[in-house]
């Protein structure tokens, strides 16, 4: 999706998001396109039902984008779920875009 100001959002919509295949495939897609992301691009994972550590991804990414520390074990678990699936070479860009820091 391209916004009128030129920013792009890469949206992956899933019915259920947990630690399984849909989540893993979405993150793999983000990693694959990370080299083509521009500063204001957003990576979005939209879902109807987030379970397990995935349910805290939004909160932890928003906290990190705001420069706040991870506060709870649930946030740490959510962060580790994402962090572990991103190769070191792509981590900074994927985490920045997923947290919406480019805006």
PDB file of N, CA and C in Angstrom:
ATOM      1  N   UNK A   1       0.848  -1.153   0.000  1.00  0.00           N
ATOM      2  CA  UNK A   1       0.000   0.000   0.000  1.00  0.00           C
ATOM      3  C   UNK A   1       0.902   1.226   0.000  1.00  0.00           C
ATOM      4  N   UNK A   2       0.581   2.205  -0.836  1.00  0.00           N
ATOM      5  CA  UNK A   2       1.345   3.447  -0.893  1.00  0.00           C
ATOM      6  C   UNK A   2       0.452   4.605  -0.463  1.00  0.00           C
ATOM      7  N   UNK A   3       0.933   5.385   0.486  1.00  0.00           N
ATOM      8  CA  UNK A   3       0.196   6.549   0.973  1.00  0.00           C
ATOM      9  C   UNK A   3       0.410   7.727   0.031  1.00  0.00           C
ATOM     10  N   UNK A   4      -0.425   8.738   0.149  1.00  0.00           N
ATOM     11  CA  UNK A   4      -0.336   9.896  -0.747  1.00  0.00           C
ATOM     12  C   UNK A   4       0.983  10.645  -0.606  1.00  0.00           C
ATOM     13  N   UNK A   5       1.644  10.531   0.542  1.00  0.00           N
ATOM     14  CA  UNK A   5       2.930  11.206   0.727  1.00  0.00           C
ATOM     15  C   UNK A   5       4.116  10.351   0.282  1.00  0.00           C
ATOM     16  N   UNK A   6       3.837   9.180  -0.296  1.00  0.00           N
ATOM     17  CA  UNK A   6       4.890   8.317  -0.820  1.00  0.00           C
ATOM     18  C   UNK A   6       5.342   7.212   0.116  1.00  0.00           C
ATOM     19  N   UNK A   7       4.975   7.302   1.397  1.00  0.00           N
ATOM     20  CA  UNK A   7       5.338   6.220   2.318  1.00  0.00           C
ATOM     21  C   UNK A   7       4.637   4.951   1.893  1.00  0.00           C
ATOM     22  N   UNK A   8       5.280   3.825   2.162  1.00  0.00           N
ATOM     23  CA  UNK A   8       4.684   2.533   1.821  1.00  0.00           C
ATOM     24  C   UNK A   8       4.485   1.715   3.087  1.00  0.00           C
ATOM     25  N   UNK A   9       3.452   0.892   3.069  1.00  0.00           N
ATOM     26  CA  UNK A   9       3.212  -0.061   4.151  1.00  0.00           C
ATOM     27  C   UNK A   9       3.123  -1.444   3.522  1.00  0.00           C
ATOM     28  N   UNK A  10       3.906  -2.345   4.046  1.00  0.00           N
ATOM     29  CA  UNK A  10       3.892  -3.736   3.595  1.00  0.00           C
ATOM     30  C   UNK A  10       3.098  -4.510   4.640  1.00  0.00           C
ATOM     31  N   UNK A  11       1.898  -4.913   4.265  1.00  0.00           N
ATOM     32  CA  UNK A  11       0.950  -5.481   5.221  1.00  0.00           C
ATOM     33  C   UNK A  11       0.776  -6.974   4.988  1.00  0.00           C
ATOM     34  N   UNK A  12       0.929  -7.718   6.060  1.00  0.00           N
ATOM     35  CA  UNK A  12       0.661  -9.148   6.037  1.00  0.00           C
ATOM     36  C   UNK A  12      -0.536  -9.378   6.952  1.00  0.00           C
ATOM     37  N   UNK A  13      -1.628  -9.853   6.392  1.00  0.00           N
ATOM     38  CA  UNK A  13      -2.850 -10.071   7.171  1.00  0.00           C
ATOM     39  C   UNK A  13      -3.033 -11.566   7.436  1.00  0.00           C
ATOM     40  N   UNK A  14      -3.198 -11.896   8.688  1.00  0.00           N
ATOM     41  CA  UNK A  14      -3.385 -13.285   9.116  1.00  0.00           C
ATOM     42  C   UNK A  14      -4.597 -13.353  10.036  1.00  0.00           C
ATOM     43  N   UNK A  15      -5.284 -14.468  10.002  1.00  0.00           N
ATOM     44  CA  UNK A  15      -6.397 -14.641  10.929  1.00  0.00           C
ATOM     45  C   UNK A  15      -5.876 -14.838  12.340  1.00  0.00           C
ATOM     46  N   UNK A  16      -4.911 -15.735  12.482  1.00  0.00           N
ATOM     47  CA  UNK A  16      -4.352 -16.036  13.798  1.00  0.00           C
ATOM     48  C   UNK A  16      -2.837 -15.905  13.744  1.00  0.00           C
ATOM     49  N   UNK A  17      -2.292 -15.223  14.734  1.00  0.00           N
ATOM     50  CA  UNK A  17      -0.848 -15.022  14.804  1.00  0.00           C
ATOM     51  C   UNK A  17      -0.357 -15.574  16.133  1.00  0.00           C
ATOM     52  N   UNK A  18       0.551 -16.539  16.050  1.00  0.00           N
ATOM     53  CA  UNK A  18       1.183 -17.092  17.249  1.00  0.00           C
ATOM     54  C   UNK A  18       2.667 -17.235  16.935  1.00  0.00           C
ATOM     55  N   UNK A  19       3.260 -18.318  17.340  1.00  0.00           N
ATOM     56  CA  UNK A  19       4.676 -18.529  17.044  1.00  0.00           C
ATOM     57  C   UNK A  19       4.876 -19.439  15.843  1.00  0.00           C
ATOM     58  N   UNK A  20       3.810 -19.801  15.179  1.00  0.00           N
ATOM     59  CA  UNK A  20       3.866 -20.786  14.103  1.00  0.00           C
ATOM     60  C   UNK A  20       4.174 -20.242  12.724  1.00  0.00           C
ATOM     61  N   UNK A  21       3.831 -21.044  11.746  1.00  0.00           N
ATOM     62  CA  UNK A  21       4.165 -20.802  10.346  1.00  0.00           C
ATOM     63  C   UNK A  21       3.764 -19.426   9.827  1.00  0.00           C
ATOM     64  N   UNK A  22       2.538 -18.937  10.049  1.00  0.00           N
ATOM     65  CA  UNK A  22       2.193 -17.618   9.511  1.00  0.00           C
ATOM     66  C   UNK A  22       3.131 -16.508  10.002  1.00  0.00           C
ATOM     67  N   UNK A  23       3.475 -16.553  11.287  1.00  0.00           N
ATOM     68  CA  UNK A  23       4.392 -15.553  11.842  1.00  0.00           C
ATOM     69  C   UNK A  23       5.782 -15.707  11.235  1.00  0.00           C
ATOM     70  N   UNK A  24       6.279 -16.927  11.212  1.00  0.00           N
ATOM     71  CA  UNK A  24       7.620 -17.190  10.671  1.00  0.00           C
ATOM     72  C   UNK A  24       7.710 -16.759   9.212  1.00  0.00           C
ATOM     73  N   UNK A  25       6.693 -17.068   8.419  1.00  0.00           N
ATOM     74  CA  UNK A  25       6.698 -16.691   7.001  1.00  0.00           C
ATOM     75  C   UNK A  25       6.618 -15.177   6.818  1.00  0.00           C
ATOM     76  N   UNK A  26       5.855 -14.503   7.659  1.00  0.00           N
ATOM     77  CA  UNK A  26       5.767 -13.045   7.571  1.00  0.00           C
ATOM     78  C   UNK A  26       7.116 -12.407   7.856  1.00  0.00           C
ATOM     79  N   UNK A  27       7.767 -12.830   8.923  1.00  0.00           N
ATOM     80  CA  UNK A  27       9.074 -12.265   9.265  1.00  0.00           C
ATOM     81  C   UNK A  27      10.090 -12.576   8.167  1.00  0.00           C
ATOM     82  N   UNK A  28      10.046 -13.775   7.611  1.00  0.00           N
ATOM     83  CA  UNK A  28      10.952 -14.125   6.510  1.00  0.00           C
ATOM     84  C   UNK A  28      10.729 -13.198   5.314  1.00  0.00           C
ATOM     85  N   UNK A  29       9.481 -12.848   5.045  1.00  0.00           N
ATOM     86  CA  UNK A  29       9.178 -11.912   3.964  1.00  0.00           C
ATOM     87  C   UNK A  29       9.738 -10.530   4.245  1.00  0.00           C
ATOM     88  N   UNK A  30       9.624 -10.082   5.481  1.00  0.00           N
ATOM     89  CA  UNK A  30      10.195  -8.784   5.852  1.00  0.00           C
ATOM     90  C   UNK A  30      11.702  -8.789   5.650  1.00  0.00           C
ATOM     91  N   UNK A  31      12.343  -9.860   6.074  1.00  0.00           N
ATOM     92  CA  UNK A  31      13.795  -9.963   5.927  1.00  0.00           C
ATOM     93  C   UNK A  31      14.174  -9.932   4.452  1.00  0.00           C
ATOM     94  N   UNK A  32      13.437 -10.670   3.628  1.00  0.00           N
ATOM     95  CA  UNK A  32      13.740 -10.733   2.195  1.00  0.00           C
ATOM     96  C   UNK A  32      13.640  -9.364   1.529  1.00  0.00           C
ATOM     97  N   UNK A  33      12.727  -8.530   1.967  1.00  0.00           N
ATOM     98  CA  UNK A  33      12.570  -7.222   1.334  1.00  0.00           C
ATOM     99  C   UNK A  33      13.272  -6.104   2.097  1.00  0.00           C
ATOM    100  N   UNK A  34      13.969  -6.413   3.171  1.00  0.00           N
ATOM    101  CA  UNK A  34      14.563  -5.377   4.017  1.00  0.00           C
ATOM    102  C   UNK A  34      15.540  -4.475   3.268  1.00  0.00           C
ATOM    103  N   UNK A  35      16.258  -5.009   2.313  1.00  0.00           N
ATOM    104  CA  UNK A  35      17.232  -4.195   1.577  1.00  0.00           C
ATOM    105  C   UNK A  35      16.560  -3.140   0.709  1.00  0.00           C
ATOM    106  N   UNK A  36      15.296  -3.327   0.382  1.00  0.00           N
ATOM    107  CA  UNK A  36      14.597  -2.376  -0.491  1.00  0.00           C
ATOM    108  C   UNK A  36      13.746  -1.375   0.284  1.00  0.00           C
ATOM    109  N   UNK A  37      13.719  -1.485   1.603  1.00  0.00           N
ATOM    110  CA  UNK A  37      12.900  -0.584   2.412  1.00  0.00           C
ATOM    111  C   UNK A  37      13.500   0.818   2.437  1.00  0.00           C
ATOM    112  N   UNK A  38      12.625   1.796   2.392  1.00  0.00           N
ATOM    113  CA  UNK A  38      13.046   3.182   2.524  1.00  0.00           C
ATOM    114  C   UNK A  38      12.763   3.637   3.949  1.00  0.00           C
ATOM    115  N   UNK A  39      13.314   4.774   4.342  1.00  0.00           N
ATOM    116  CA  UNK A  39      13.251   5.232   5.734  1.00  0.00           C
ATOM    117  C   UNK A  39      11.836   5.320   6.295  1.00  0.00           C
ATOM    118  N   UNK A  40      10.864   5.701   5.493  1.00  0.00           N
ATOM    119  CA  UNK A  40       9.501   5.882   5.998  1.00  0.00           C
ATOM    120  C   UNK A  40       8.582   4.688   5.771  1.00  0.00           C
ATOM    121  N   UNK A  41       9.102   3.606   5.218  1.00  0.00           N
ATOM    122  CA  UNK A  41       8.286   2.418   4.975  1.00  0.00           C
ATOM    123  C   UNK A  41       7.916   1.742   6.295  1.00  0.00           C
ATOM    124  N   UNK A  42       6.767   1.108   6.301  1.00  0.00           N
ATOM    125  CA  UNK A  42       6.284   0.406   7.485  1.00  0.00           C
ATOM    126  C   UNK A  42       6.100  -1.076   7.184  1.00  0.00           C
ATOM    127  N   UNK A  43       6.398  -1.899   8.169  1.00  0.00           N
ATOM    128  CA  UNK A  43       6.117  -3.332   8.095  1.00  0.00           C
ATOM    129  C   UNK A  43       4.972  -3.597   9.063  1.00  0.00           C
ATOM    130  N   UNK A  44       3.899  -4.193   8.555  1.00  0.00           N
ATOM    131  CA  UNK A  44       2.695  -4.374   9.368  1.00  0.00           C
ATOM    132  C   UNK A  44       2.285  -5.842   9.365  1.00  0.00           C
ATOM    133  N   UNK A  45       2.011  -6.351  10.544  1.00  0.00           N
ATOM    134  CA  UNK A  45       1.422  -7.678  10.689  1.00  0.00           C
ATOM    135  C   UNK A  45       0.055  -7.470  11.334  1.00  0.00           C
ATOM    136  N   UNK A  46      -0.988  -7.641  10.541  1.00  0.00           N
ATOM    137  CA  UNK A  46      -2.355  -7.456  11.024  1.00  0.00           C
ATOM    138  C   UNK A  46      -2.973  -8.822  11.269  1.00  0.00           C
ATOM    139  N   UNK A  47      -3.680  -8.946  12.362  1.00  0.00           N
ATOM    140  CA  UNK A  47      -4.304 -10.225  12.673  1.00  0.00           C
ATOM    141  C   UNK A  47      -5.550 -10.055  13.514  1.00  0.00           C
ATOM    142  N   UNK A  48      -6.410 -11.040  13.432  1.00  0.00           N
ATOM    143  CA  UNK A  48      -7.637 -11.041  14.224  1.00  0.00           C
ATOM    144  C   UNK A  48      -7.366 -11.544  15.634  1.00  0.00           C
ATOM    145  N   UNK A  49      -6.482 -12.535  15.755  1.00  0.00           N
ATOM    146  CA  UNK A  49      -6.254 -13.193  17.036  1.00  0.00           C
ATOM    147  C   UNK A  49      -4.759 -13.402  17.248  1.00  0.00           C
ATOM    148  N   UNK A  50      -4.172 -12.644  18.159  1.00  0.00           N
ATOM    149  CA  UNK A  50      -2.764 -12.804  18.517  1.00  0.00           C
ATOM    150  C   UNK A  50      -2.705 -13.599  19.814  1.00  0.00           C
ATOM    151  N   UNK A  51      -1.901 -14.662  19.826  1.00  0.00           N
ATOM    152  CA  UNK A  51      -1.811 -15.505  21.016  1.00  0.00           C
ATOM    153  C   UNK A  51      -0.356 -15.702  21.414  1.00  0.00           C
ATOM    154  N   UNK A  52      -0.157 -16.140  22.652  1.00  0.00           N
ATOM    155  CA  UNK A  52       1.190 -16.381  23.142  1.00  0.00           C
ATOM    156  C   UNK A  52       2.005 -15.094  23.114  1.00  0.00           C
ATOM    157  N   UNK A  53       3.324 -15.211  22.946  1.00  0.00           N
ATOM    158  CA  UNK A  53       4.176 -14.022  22.929  1.00  0.00           C
ATOM    159  C   UNK A  53       3.798 -13.018  21.838  1.00  0.00           C
ATOM    160  N   UNK A  54       3.202 -13.493  20.759  1.00  0.00           N
ATOM    161  CA  UNK A  54       2.839 -12.598  19.654  1.00  0.00           C
ATOM    162  C   UNK A  54       1.847 -11.521  20.089  1.00  0.00           C
ATOM    163  N   UNK A  55       1.063 -11.787  21.121  1.00  0.00           N
ATOM    164  CA  UNK A  55       0.054 -10.802  21.539  1.00  0.00           C
ATOM    165  C   UNK A  55       0.691  -9.542  22.125  1.00  0.00           C
ATOM    166  N   UNK A  56       1.955  -9.603  22.493  1.00  0.00           N
ATOM    167  CA  UNK A  56       2.637  -8.447  23.076  1.00  0.00           C
ATOM    168  C   UNK A  56       3.573  -7.741  22.095  1.00  0.00           C
ATOM    169  N   UNK A  57       3.598  -8.180  20.838  1.00  0.00           N
ATOM    170  CA  UNK A  57       4.498  -7.565  19.858  1.00  0.00           C
ATOM    171  C   UNK A  57       4.209  -6.087  19.651  1.00  0.00           C
ATOM    172  N   UNK A  58       2.960  -5.724  19.506  1.00  0.00           N
ATOM    173  CA  UNK A  58       2.612  -4.322  19.273  1.00  0.00           C
ATOM    174  C   UNK A  58       3.141  -3.445  20.403  1.00  0.00           C
ATOM    175  N   UNK A  59       2.865  -3.845  21.626  1.00  0.00           N
ATOM    176  CA  UNK A  59       3.279  -3.041  22.781  1.00  0.00           C
ATOM    177  C   UNK A  59       4.792  -2.896  22.856  1.00  0.00           C
ATOM    178  N   UNK A  60       5.519  -3.985  22.683  1.00  0.00           N
ATOM    179  CA  UNK A  60       6.970  -3.897  22.821  1.00  0.00           C
ATOM    180  C   UNK A  60       7.585  -3.080  21.686  1.00  0.00           C
ATOM    181  N   UNK A  61       7.086  -3.217  20.466  1.00  0.00           N
ATOM    182  CA  UNK A  61       7.635  -2.429  19.359  1.00  0.00           C
ATOM    183  C   UNK A  61       7.320  -0.945  19.526  1.00  0.00           C
ATOM    184  N   UNK A  62       6.150  -0.626  20.035  1.00  0.00           N
ATOM    185  CA  UNK A  62       5.818   0.785  20.291  1.00  0.00           C
ATOM    186  C   UNK A  62       6.707   1.365  21.391  1.00  0.00           C
ATOM    187  N   UNK A  63       6.963   0.588  22.422  1.00  0.00           N
ATOM    188  CA  UNK A  63       7.838   1.049  23.506  1.00  0.00           C
ATOM    189  C   UNK A  63       9.244   1.306  22.975  1.00  0.00           C
ATOM    190  N   UNK A  64       9.759   0.385  22.203  1.00  0.00           N
ATOM    191  CA  UNK A  64      11.108   0.547  21.665  1.00  0.00           C
ATOM    192  C   UNK A  64      11.190   1.748  20.724  1.00  0.00           C
ATOM    193  N   UNK A  65      10.166   1.946  19.899  1.00  0.00           N
ATOM    194  CA  UNK A  65      10.146   3.093  18.985  1.00  0.00           C
ATOM    195  C   UNK A  65      10.132   4.412  19.759  1.00  0.00           C
ATOM    196  N   UNK A  66       9.525   4.401  20.940  1.00  0.00           N
ATOM    197  CA  UNK A  66       9.459   5.601  21.773  1.00  0.00           C
ATOM    198  C   UNK A  66      10.711   5.771  22.634  1.00  0.00           C
ATOM    199  N   UNK A  67      11.662   4.844  22.504  1.00  0.00           N
ATOM    200  CA  UNK A  67      12.888   4.925  23.284  1.00  0.00           C
ATOM    201  C   UNK A  67      12.733   4.427  24.707  1.00  0.00           C
ATOM    202  N   UNK A  68      11.677   3.675  24.964  1.00  0.00           N
ATOM    203  CA  UNK A  68      11.425   3.142  26.300  1.00  0.00           C
ATOM    204  C   UNK A  68      11.959   1.721  26.416  1.00  0.00           C
ATOM    205  N   UNK A  69      12.311   1.349  27.613  1.00  0.00           N
ATOM    206  CA  UNK A  69      12.840   0.010  27.859  1.00  0.00           C
ATOM    207  C   UNK A  69      11.718  -1.028  27.897  1.00  0.00           C
ATOM    208  N   UNK A  70      12.101  -2.257  27.649  1.00  0.00           N
ATOM    209  CA  UNK A  70      11.183  -3.383  27.829  1.00  0.00           C
ATOM    210  C   UNK A  70      10.932  -3.515  29.327  1.00  0.00           C
ATOM    211  N   UNK A  71       9.661  -3.604  29.714  1.00  0.00           N
ATOM    212  CA  UNK A  71       9.316  -3.602  31.138  1.00  0.00           C
ATOM    213  C   UNK A  71       8.976  -4.958  31.716  1.00  0.00           C
ATOM    214  N   UNK A  72       8.305  -5.785  30.944  1.00  0.00           N
ATOM    215  CA  UNK A  72       7.771  -7.023  31.510  1.00  0.00           C
ATOM    216  C   UNK A  72       8.377  -8.246  30.827  1.00  0.00           C
ATOM    217  N   UNK A  73       8.226  -9.378  31.467  1.00  0.00           N
ATOM    218  CA  UNK A  73       8.691 -10.625  30.861  1.00  0.00           C
ATOM    219  C   UNK A  73       7.910 -10.919  29.587  1.00  0.00           C
ATOM    220  N   UNK A  74       6.625 -10.580  29.565  1.00  0.00           N
ATOM    221  CA  UNK A  74       5.814 -10.797  28.362  1.00  0.00           C
ATOM    222  C   UNK A  74       6.360  -9.981  27.192  1.00  0.00           C
ATOM    223  N   UNK A  75       6.754  -8.741  27.454  1.00  0.00           N
ATOM    224  CA  UNK A  75       7.358  -7.916  26.402  1.00  0.00           C
ATOM    225  C   UNK A  75       8.688  -8.501  25.951  1.00  0.00           C
ATOM    226  N   UNK A  76       9.484  -8.967  26.892  1.00  0.00           N
ATOM    227  CA  UNK A  76      10.771  -9.579  26.549  1.00  0.00           C
ATOM    228  C   UNK A  76      10.565 -10.822  25.693  1.00  0.00           C
ATOM    229  N   UNK A  77       9.594 -11.640  26.049  1.00  0.00           N
ATOM    230  CA  UNK A  77       9.298 -12.848  25.273  1.00  0.00           C
ATOM    231  C   UNK A  77       8.861 -12.494  23.853  1.00  0.00           C
ATOM    232  N   UNK A  78       8.032 -11.464  23.724  1.00  0.00           N
ATOM    233  CA  UNK A  78       7.572 -11.034  22.401  1.00  0.00           C
ATOM    234  C   UNK A  78       8.745 -10.537  21.566  1.00  0.00           C
ATOM    235  N   UNK A  79       9.605  -9.735  22.183  1.00  0.00           N
ATOM    236  CA  UNK A  79      10.767  -9.213  21.466  1.00  0.00           C
ATOM    237  C   UNK A  79      11.678 -10.349  21.013  1.00  0.00           C
ATOM    238  N   UNK A  80      11.935 -11.290  21.895  1.00  0.00           N
ATOM    239  CA  UNK A  80      12.804 -12.421  21.552  1.00  0.00           C
ATOM    240  C   UNK A  80      12.207 -13.280  20.444  1.00  0.00           C
ATOM    241  N   UNK A  81      10.884 -13.412  20.413  1.00  0.00           N
ATOM    242  CA  UNK A  81      10.210 -14.155  19.355  1.00  0.00           C
ATOM    243  C   UNK A  81      10.557 -13.556  17.995  1.00  0.00           C
ATOM    244  N   UNK A  82      10.496 -12.248  17.892  1.00  0.00           N
ATOM    245  CA  UNK A  82      10.800 -11.567  16.641  1.00  0.00           C
ATOM    246  C   UNK A  82      12.303 -11.533  16.374  1.00  0.00           C
ATOM    247  N   UNK A  83      13.073 -11.127  17.366  1.00  0.00           N
ATOM    248  CA  UNK A  83      14.524 -10.955  17.232  1.00  0.00           C
ATOM    249  C   UNK A  83      15.212 -12.235  16.754  1.00  0.00           C
ATOM    250  N   UNK A  84      14.793 -13.365  17.282  1.00  0.00           N
ATOM    251  CA  UNK A  84      15.429 -14.647  16.950  1.00  0.00           C
ATOM    252  C   UNK A  84      15.226 -15.045  15.496  1.00  0.00           C
ATOM    253  N   UNK A  85      14.232 -14.484  14.848  1.00  0.00           N
ATOM    254  CA  UNK A  85      13.921 -14.872  13.467  1.00  0.00           C
ATOM    255  C   UNK A  85      14.480 -13.904  12.431  1.00  0.00           C
ATOM    256  N   UNK A  86      15.215 -12.907  12.885  1.00  0.00           N
ATOM    257  CA  UNK A  86      15.778 -11.924  11.956  1.00  0.00           C
ATOM    258  C   UNK A  86      17.296 -12.072  11.956  1.00  0.00           C
ATOM    259  N   UNK A  87      17.892 -12.382  10.805  1.00  0.00           N
ATOM    260  CA  UNK A  87      19.353 -12.482  10.741  1.00  0.00           C
ATOM    261  C   UNK A  87      20.001 -11.154  11.150  1.00  0.00           C
ATOM    262  N   UNK A  88      21.167 -11.235  11.745  1.00  0.00           N
ATOM    263  CA  UNK A  88      21.857 -10.050  12.258  1.00  0.00           C
ATOM    264  C   UNK A  88      21.968  -8.935  11.220  1.00  0.00           C
ATOM    265  N   UNK A  89      22.244  -9.282   9.976  1.00  0.00           N
ATOM    266  CA  UNK A  89      22.440  -8.274   8.931  1.00  0.00           C
ATOM    267  C   UNK A  89      21.181  -7.459   8.649  1.00  0.00           C
ATOM    268  N   UNK A  90      20.015  -7.988   8.947  1.00  0.00           N
ATOM    269  CA  UNK A  90      18.756  -7.296   8.643  1.00  0.00           C
ATOM    270  C   UNK A  90      18.052  -6.759   9.889  1.00  0.00           C
ATOM    271  N   UNK A  91      18.556  -7.063  11.070  1.00  0.00           N
ATOM    272  CA  UNK A  91      17.839  -6.740  12.313  1.00  0.00           C
ATOM    273  C   UNK A  91      17.515  -5.264  12.478  1.00  0.00           C
ATOM    274  N   UNK A  92      18.515  -4.421  12.330  1.00  0.00           N
ATOM    275  CA  UNK A  92      18.280  -2.998  12.583  1.00  0.00           C
ATOM    276  C   UNK A  92      17.176  -2.457  11.681  1.00  0.00           C
ATOM    277  N   UNK A  93      17.256  -2.748  10.398  1.00  0.00           N
ATOM    278  CA  UNK A  93      16.266  -2.205   9.457  1.00  0.00           C
ATOM    279  C   UNK A  93      14.877  -2.800   9.717  1.00  0.00           C
ATOM    280  N   UNK A  94      14.780  -4.109   9.902  1.00  0.00           N
ATOM    281  CA  UNK A  94      13.467  -4.735  10.105  1.00  0.00           C
ATOM    282  C   UNK A  94      12.832  -4.258  11.412  1.00  0.00           C
ATOM    283  N   UNK A  95      13.600  -4.201  12.472  1.00  0.00           N
ATOM    284  CA  UNK A  95      13.039  -3.758  13.750  1.00  0.00           C
ATOM    285  C   UNK A  95      12.626  -2.293  13.692  1.00  0.00           C
ATOM    286  N   UNK A  96      13.410  -1.474  13.017  1.00  0.00           N
ATOM    287  CA  UNK A  96      13.071  -0.056  12.876  1.00  0.00           C
ATOM    288  C   UNK A  96      11.769   0.112  12.100  1.00  0.00           C
ATOM    289  N   UNK A  97      11.642  -0.574  10.987  1.00  0.00           N
ATOM    290  CA  UNK A  97      10.450  -0.430  10.156  1.00  0.00           C
ATOM    291  C   UNK A  97       9.232  -1.062  10.826  1.00  0.00           C
ATOM    292  N   UNK A  98       9.428  -2.167  11.523  1.00  0.00           N
ATOM    293  CA  UNK A  98       8.316  -2.808  12.217  1.00  0.00           C
ATOM    294  C   UNK A  98       7.806  -1.986  13.384  1.00  0.00           C
ATOM    295  N   UNK A  99       8.696  -1.206  13.981  1.00  0.00           N
ATOM    296  CA  UNK A  99       8.293  -0.346  15.090  1.00  0.00           C
ATOM    297  C   UNK A  99       7.776   1.002  14.608  1.00  0.00           C
ATOM    298  N   UNK A 100       7.857   1.234  13.311  1.00  0.00           N
ATOM    299  CA  UNK A 100       7.369   2.497  12.772  1.00  0.00           C
ATOM    300  C   UNK A 100       8.282   3.672  13.056  1.00  0.00           C
ATOM    301  N   UNK A 101       9.567   3.416  13.265  1.00  0.00           N
ATOM    302  CA  UNK A 101      10.496   4.489  13.597  1.00  0.00           C
ATOM    303  C   UNK A 101      10.820   5.387  12.418  1.00  0.00           C
ATOM    304  N   UNK A 102      10.544   4.935  11.212  1.00  0.00           N
ATOM    305  CA  UNK A 102      10.886   5.735  10.053  1.00  0.00           C
ATOM    306  C   UNK A 102      10.030   6.984   9.923  1.00  0.00           C
ATOM    307  N   UNK A 103       8.904   7.022  10.610  1.00  0.00           N
ATOM    308  CA  UNK A 103       7.979   8.148  10.458  1.00  0.00           C
ATOM    309  C   UNK A 103       8.473   9.390  11.111  1.00  0.00           C
TER     310      UNK A 103
END
